[in-house]
Amino acid sequence: MHAVVINVTIDDRDAAQQGLEQVVAGVKQAPGFVAGYWIRLDDTHGTSIAVFGTEEQAAATKPPAGTDAQGVRMTSISVGEVLASA
């Protein structure tokens, strides 16, 4: 399994929450989707982890660099191998 990990700066909490519903719905439909978590770390920062069956499936879902979502600025986007889960 591989995961797409995205860190964001939250610019507009209400807009981010509204946009999140669309993002989650889209990711859930992606081929190979296993699980996803969208986490608010504090009032201005968040992270998401979306797990896929293969590296190719994760890479296909990774947004292009420089892409932002409603109410947030993506500060880092990476794909990594899941080494363990519980």
Protein backbone atom coordinates (compact mmCIF):
# COMPACT_ATOMS: atom_id res chain seq x y z
CA MET A 1 0.00 0.00 0.00
CA HIS A 2 0.99 3.61 -0.60
CA ALA A 3 -0.32 6.88 0.82
CA VAL A 4 -0.67 10.42 -0.44
CA VAL A 5 0.25 12.79 2.40
CA ILE A 6 -0.71 16.45 2.05
CA ASN A 7 0.04 19.24 4.51
CA VAL A 8 -1.98 22.45 4.27
CA THR A 9 -2.25 25.93 5.68
CA ILE A 10 -5.88 26.77 6.37
CA ASP A 11 -6.73 30.27 5.12
CA ASP A 12 -10.52 30.13 5.51
CA ARG A 13 -11.87 27.48 7.88
CA ASP A 14 -15.48 27.64 6.64
CA ALA A 15 -14.49 27.47 2.98
CA ALA A 16 -12.06 24.64 3.74
CA GLN A 17 -14.80 22.64 5.48
CA GLN A 18 -17.16 23.09 2.53
CA GLY A 19 -14.47 22.15 0.01
CA LEU A 20 -13.47 19.13 2.08
CA GLU A 21 -16.80 17.42 1.41
CA GLN A 22 -16.10 17.50 -2.34
CA VAL A 23 -12.49 16.37 -1.90
CA VAL A 24 -13.45 13.40 0.26
CA ALA A 25 -16.18 12.32 -2.15
CA GLY A 26 -13.74 12.44 -5.08
CA VAL A 27 -10.93 10.59 -3.31
CA LYS A 28 -13.30 7.84 -2.14
CA GLN A 29 -14.15 7.13 -5.79
CA ALA A 30 -10.50 6.88 -6.89
CA PRO A 31 -9.27 3.44 -8.03
CA GLY A 32 -7.53 1.50 -5.27
CA PHE A 33 -8.76 3.73 -2.43
CA VAL A 34 -8.35 1.97 0.94
CA ALA A 35 -8.81 4.65 3.62
CA GLY A 36 -8.49 8.38 4.14
CA TYR A 37 -8.01 10.77 7.04
CA TRP A 38 -8.28 14.56 6.99
CA ILE A 39 -6.90 16.10 10.18
CA ARG A 40 -7.03 19.67 11.51
CA LEU A 41 -3.87 20.10 13.59
CA ASP A 42 -4.74 23.58 14.83
CA ASP A 43 -6.69 26.60 13.56
CA THR A 44 -4.36 27.19 10.62
CA HIS A 45 -2.78 23.81 9.76
CA GLY A 46 -3.98 20.43 8.63
CA THR A 47 -2.84 17.22 7.00
CA SER A 48 -4.44 14.43 5.05
CA ILE A 49 -3.47 10.84 4.47
CA ALA A 50 -5.18 8.87 1.72
CA VAL A 51 -4.14 5.23 1.37
CA PHE A 52 -4.27 3.29 -1.90
CA GLY A 53 -3.53 -0.27 -2.91
CA THR A 54 -0.56 0.54 -5.14
CA GLU A 55 2.01 3.27 -5.66
CA GLU A 56 0.61 3.91 -9.15
CA GLN A 57 -2.91 4.44 -7.78
CA ALA A 58 -1.61 6.82 -5.11
CA ALA A 59 0.49 8.76 -7.64
CA ALA A 60 -2.50 9.07 -9.99
CA THR A 61 -4.53 10.71 -7.21
CA LYS A 62 -1.77 13.07 -6.00
CA PRO A 63 -2.64 16.67 -6.92
CA PRO A 64 -0.10 18.53 -9.05
CA ALA A 65 2.40 20.75 -7.24
CA GLY A 66 1.13 24.29 -6.82
CA THR A 67 -2.49 23.16 -6.60
CA ASP A 68 -4.60 24.62 -3.81
CA ALA A 69 -8.04 23.62 -2.60
CA GLN A 70 -10.94 25.72 -1.40
CA GLY A 71 -9.85 27.62 1.73
CA VAL A 72 -6.41 25.98 1.98
CA ARG A 73 -2.90 26.26 0.54
CA MET A 74 -1.06 22.98 0.09
CA THR A 75 2.42 23.28 1.60
CA SER A 76 3.68 19.77 0.81
CA ILE A 77 2.44 16.79 -1.21
CA SER A 78 4.17 13.41 -1.17
CA VAL A 79 3.58 9.73 -1.83
CA GLY A 80 5.08 7.12 0.47
CA GLU A 81 4.96 3.41 1.15
CA VAL A 82 2.79 2.30 4.08
CA LEU A 83 5.08 0.17 6.24
CA ALA A 84 2.56 -0.76 8.94
CA SER A 85 -1.03 -0.16 9.98
CA ALA A 86 -3.21 -1.13 12.90
